[in-house]
């Protein structure tokens, strides 16, 4: 096993480990943006 193999394994492992966290944070930001937009739309209605 070479050093490049070990680096590839670590890199792939880190991606798999952090992918759900990144997805959750991205989803939370999108949801917050959508909720804020909805609140602003309803705020200006008579």
PDB file of N, CA and C in Angstrom:
ATOM      1  N   UNK A   1       0.854  -1.172   0.000  1.00  0.00           N
ATOM      2  CA  UNK A   1       0.000   0.000   0.000  1.00  0.00           C
ATOM      3  C   UNK A   1       0.901   1.238   0.000  1.00  0.00           C
ATOM      4  N   UNK A   2       0.638   2.129  -0.940  1.00  0.00           N
ATOM      5  CA  UNK A   2       1.478   3.322  -1.060  1.00  0.00           C
ATOM      6  C   UNK A   2       0.872   4.491  -0.289  1.00  0.00           C
ATOM      7  N   UNK A   3       1.652   5.542  -0.187  1.00  0.00           N
ATOM      8  CA  UNK A   3       1.188   6.738   0.511  1.00  0.00           C
ATOM      9  C   UNK A   3      -0.017   7.349  -0.200  1.00  0.00           C
ATOM     10  N   UNK A   4      -0.030   7.314  -1.516  1.00  0.00           N
ATOM     11  CA  UNK A   4      -1.165   7.882  -2.248  1.00  0.00           C
ATOM     12  C   UNK A   4      -2.446   7.074  -1.996  1.00  0.00           C
ATOM     13  N   UNK A   5      -2.319   5.769  -1.819  1.00  0.00           N
ATOM     14  CA  UNK A   5      -3.485   4.939  -1.482  1.00  0.00           C
ATOM     15  C   UNK A   5      -4.046   5.326  -0.119  1.00  0.00           C
ATOM     16  N   UNK A   6      -3.147   5.519   0.830  1.00  0.00           N
ATOM     17  CA  UNK A   6      -3.583   5.895   2.180  1.00  0.00           C
ATOM     18  C   UNK A   6      -4.258   7.268   2.156  1.00  0.00           C
ATOM     19  N   UNK A   7      -3.686   8.202   1.424  1.00  0.00           N
ATOM     20  CA  UNK A   7      -4.294   9.536   1.314  1.00  0.00           C
ATOM     21  C   UNK A   7      -5.685   9.460   0.693  1.00  0.00           C
ATOM     22  N   UNK A   8      -5.820   8.648  -0.342  1.00  0.00           N
ATOM     23  CA  UNK A   8      -7.123   8.494  -1.001  1.00  0.00           C
ATOM     24  C   UNK A   8      -8.147   7.897  -0.045  1.00  0.00           C
ATOM     25  N   UNK A   9      -7.747   6.913   0.718  1.00  0.00           N
ATOM     26  CA  UNK A   9      -8.650   6.290   1.692  1.00  0.00           C
ATOM     27  C   UNK A   9      -9.082   7.307   2.737  1.00  0.00           C
ATOM     28  N   UNK A  10      -8.139   8.076   3.276  1.00  0.00           N
ATOM     29  CA  UNK A  10      -8.478   9.107   4.270  1.00  0.00           C
ATOM     30  C   UNK A  10      -9.420  10.153   3.690  1.00  0.00           C
ATOM     31  N   UNK A  11      -9.104  10.614   2.471  1.00  0.00           N
ATOM     32  CA  UNK A  11      -9.938  11.633   1.828  1.00  0.00           C
ATOM     33  C   UNK A  11     -11.355  11.111   1.606  1.00  0.00           C
ATOM     34  N   UNK A  12     -11.489   9.912   1.113  1.00  0.00           N
ATOM     35  CA  UNK A  12     -12.808   9.330   0.884  1.00  0.00           C
ATOM     36  C   UNK A  12     -13.554   9.111   2.199  1.00  0.00           C
ATOM     37  N   UNK A  13     -12.831   8.690   3.220  1.00  0.00           N
ATOM     38  CA  UNK A  13     -13.455   8.476   4.529  1.00  0.00           C
ATOM     39  C   UNK A  13     -13.971   9.786   5.112  1.00  0.00           C
ATOM     40  N   UNK A  14     -13.191  10.844   4.983  1.00  0.00           N
ATOM     41  CA  UNK A  14     -13.618  12.141   5.500  1.00  0.00           C
ATOM     42  C   UNK A  14     -14.847  12.656   4.753  1.00  0.00           C
ATOM     43  N   UNK A  15     -14.871  12.457   3.445  1.00  0.00           N
ATOM     44  CA  UNK A  15     -16.042  12.876   2.670  1.00  0.00           C
ATOM     45  C   UNK A  15     -17.297  12.142   3.128  1.00  0.00           C
ATOM     46  N   UNK A  16     -17.177  10.848   3.309  1.00  0.00           N
ATOM     47  CA  UNK A  16     -18.324  10.047   3.745  1.00  0.00           C
ATOM     48  C   UNK A  16     -18.760  10.457   5.150  1.00  0.00           C
ATOM     49  N   UNK A  17     -17.799  10.779   5.996  1.00  0.00           N
ATOM     50  CA  UNK A  17     -18.111  11.163   7.370  1.00  0.00           C
ATOM     51  C   UNK A  17     -18.811  12.517   7.427  1.00  0.00           C
ATOM     52  N   UNK A  18     -18.334  13.491   6.653  1.00  0.00           N
ATOM     53  CA  UNK A  18     -18.855  14.851   6.739  1.00  0.00           C
ATOM     54  C   UNK A  18     -20.010  15.143   5.792  1.00  0.00           C
ATOM     55  N   UNK A  19     -20.288  14.288   4.841  1.00  0.00           N
ATOM     56  CA  UNK A  19     -21.362  14.541   3.872  1.00  0.00           C
ATOM     57  C   UNK A  19     -22.713  14.757   4.545  1.00  0.00           C
ATOM     58  N   UNK A  20     -23.133  13.941   5.504  1.00  0.00           N
ATOM     59  CA  UNK A  20     -24.427  14.191   6.147  1.00  0.00           C
ATOM     60  C   UNK A  20     -24.458  15.517   6.916  1.00  0.00           C
ATOM     61  N   UNK A  21     -23.350  15.869   7.535  1.00  0.00           N
ATOM     62  CA  UNK A  21     -23.284  17.129   8.275  1.00  0.00           C
ATOM     63  C   UNK A  21     -23.413  18.323   7.328  1.00  0.00           C
ATOM     64  N   UNK A  22     -22.698  18.285   6.230  1.00  0.00           N
ATOM     65  CA  UNK A  22     -22.780  19.365   5.241  1.00  0.00           C
ATOM     66  C   UNK A  22     -24.193  19.435   4.670  1.00  0.00           C
ATOM     67  N   UNK A  23     -24.787  18.292   4.381  1.00  0.00           N
ATOM     68  CA  UNK A  23     -26.153  18.269   3.863  1.00  0.00           C
ATOM     69  C   UNK A  23     -27.151  18.826   4.851  1.00  0.00           C
ATOM     70  N   UNK A  24     -26.978  18.518   6.122  1.00  0.00           N
ATOM     71  CA  UNK A  24     -27.889  19.026   7.149  1.00  0.00           C
ATOM     72  C   UNK A  24     -27.767  20.538   7.291  1.00  0.00           C
ATOM     73  N   UNK A  25     -26.564  21.043   7.275  1.00  0.00           N
ATOM     74  CA  UNK A  25     -26.355  22.493   7.401  1.00  0.00           C
ATOM     75  C   UNK A  25     -26.924  23.208   6.189  1.00  0.00           C
ATOM     76  N   UNK A  26     -26.666  22.676   4.998  1.00  0.00           N
ATOM     77  CA  UNK A  26     -27.199  23.277   3.779  1.00  0.00           C
ATOM     78  C   UNK A  26     -28.717  23.271   3.798  1.00  0.00           C
ATOM     79  N   UNK A  27     -29.305  22.166   4.198  1.00  0.00           N
ATOM     80  CA  UNK A  27     -30.760  22.071   4.278  1.00  0.00           C
ATOM     81  C   UNK A  27     -31.341  23.048   5.280  1.00  0.00           C
ATOM     82  N   UNK A  28     -30.669  23.223   6.412  1.00  0.00           N
ATOM     83  CA  UNK A  28     -31.144  24.164   7.426  1.00  0.00           C
ATOM     84  C   UNK A  28     -31.116  25.590   6.892  1.00  0.00           C
ATOM     85  N   UNK A  29     -30.062  25.957   6.180  1.00  0.00           N
ATOM     86  CA  UNK A  29     -29.989  27.299   5.601  1.00  0.00           C
ATOM     87  C   UNK A  29     -31.090  27.515   4.565  1.00  0.00           C
ATOM     88  N   UNK A  30     -31.312  26.527   3.728  1.00  0.00           N
ATOM     89  CA  UNK A  30     -32.374  26.643   2.714  1.00  0.00           C
ATOM     90  C   UNK A  30     -33.746  26.767   3.364  1.00  0.00           C
ATOM     91  N   UNK A  31     -33.995  25.975   4.397  1.00  0.00           N
ATOM     92  CA  UNK A  31     -35.277  26.018   5.088  1.00  0.00           C
ATOM     93  C   UNK A  31     -35.478  27.369   5.763  1.00  0.00           C
ATOM     94  N   UNK A  32     -34.451  27.879   6.405  1.00  0.00           N
ATOM     95  CA  UNK A  32     -34.535  29.186   7.056  1.00  0.00           C
ATOM     96  C   UNK A  32     -34.820  30.277   6.044  1.00  0.00           C
ATOM     97  N   UNK A  33     -34.176  30.215   4.904  1.00  0.00           N
ATOM     98  CA  UNK A  33     -34.398  31.205   3.854  1.00  0.00           C
ATOM     99  C   UNK A  33     -35.842  31.135   3.344  1.00  0.00           C
ATOM    100  N   UNK A  34     -36.356  29.921   3.154  1.00  0.00           N
ATOM    101  CA  UNK A  34     -37.729  29.749   2.675  1.00  0.00           C
ATOM    102  C   UNK A  34     -38.737  30.267   3.700  1.00  0.00           C
ATOM    103  N   UNK A  35     -38.492  29.994   4.970  1.00  0.00           N
ATOM    104  CA  UNK A  35     -39.405  30.450   6.021  1.00  0.00           C
ATOM    105  C   UNK A  35     -39.381  31.978   6.111  1.00  0.00           C
ATOM    106  N   UNK A  36     -38.207  32.568   6.062  1.00  0.00           N
ATOM    107  CA  UNK A  36     -38.106  34.029   6.110  1.00  0.00           C
ATOM    108  C   UNK A  36     -38.820  34.680   4.925  1.00  0.00           C
ATOM    109  N   UNK A  37     -38.693  34.074   3.761  1.00  0.00           N
ATOM    110  CA  UNK A  37     -39.372  34.597   2.577  1.00  0.00           C
ATOM    111  C   UNK A  37     -40.885  34.542   2.762  1.00  0.00           C
ATOM    112  N   UNK A  38     -41.378  33.431   3.287  1.00  0.00           N
ATOM    113  CA  UNK A  38     -42.813  33.270   3.520  1.00  0.00           C
ATOM    114  C   UNK A  38     -43.313  34.283   4.559  1.00  0.00           C
ATOM    115  N   UNK A  39     -42.549  34.486   5.601  1.00  0.00           N
ATOM    116  CA  UNK A  39     -42.931  35.456   6.633  1.00  0.00           C
ATOM    117  C   UNK A  39     -43.009  36.859   6.039  1.00  0.00           C
ATOM    118  N   UNK A  40     -42.034  37.221   5.233  1.00  0.00           N
ATOM    119  CA  UNK A  40     -42.043  38.553   4.617  1.00  0.00           C
ATOM    120  C   UNK A  40     -43.219  38.726   3.664  1.00  0.00           C
ATOM    121  N   UNK A  41     -43.565  37.689   2.930  1.00  0.00           N
ATOM    122  CA  UNK A  41     -44.700  37.766   2.012  1.00  0.00           C
ATOM    123  C   UNK A  41     -46.005  37.974   2.774  1.00  0.00           C
ATOM    124  N   UNK A  42     -46.177  37.277   3.875  1.00  0.00           N
ATOM    125  CA  UNK A  42     -47.417  37.396   4.653  1.00  0.00           C
ATOM    126  C   UNK A  42     -47.462  38.673   5.483  1.00  0.00           C
ATOM    127  N   UNK A  43     -46.329  39.228   5.801  1.00  0.00           N
ATOM    128  CA  UNK A  43     -46.263  40.436   6.605  1.00  0.00           C
ATOM    129  C   UNK A  43     -46.827  41.640   5.849  1.00  0.00           C
ATOM    130  N   UNK A  44     -46.628  41.664   4.542  1.00  0.00           N
ATOM    131  CA  UNK A  44     -47.030  42.818   3.735  1.00  0.00           C
ATOM    132  C   UNK A  44     -48.448  42.697   3.182  1.00  0.00           C
ATOM    133  N   UNK A  45     -49.116  41.596   3.446  1.00  0.00           N
ATOM    134  CA  UNK A  45     -50.477  41.430   2.966  1.00  0.00           C
ATOM    135  C   UNK A  45     -51.429  42.185   3.907  1.00  0.00           C
ATOM    136  N   UNK A  46     -52.526  42.768   3.340  1.00  0.00           N
ATOM    137  CA  UNK A  46     -53.483  43.521   4.189  1.00  0.00           C
ATOM    138  C   UNK A  46     -54.266  42.635   5.135  1.00  0.00           C
TER     139      UNK A  46
END
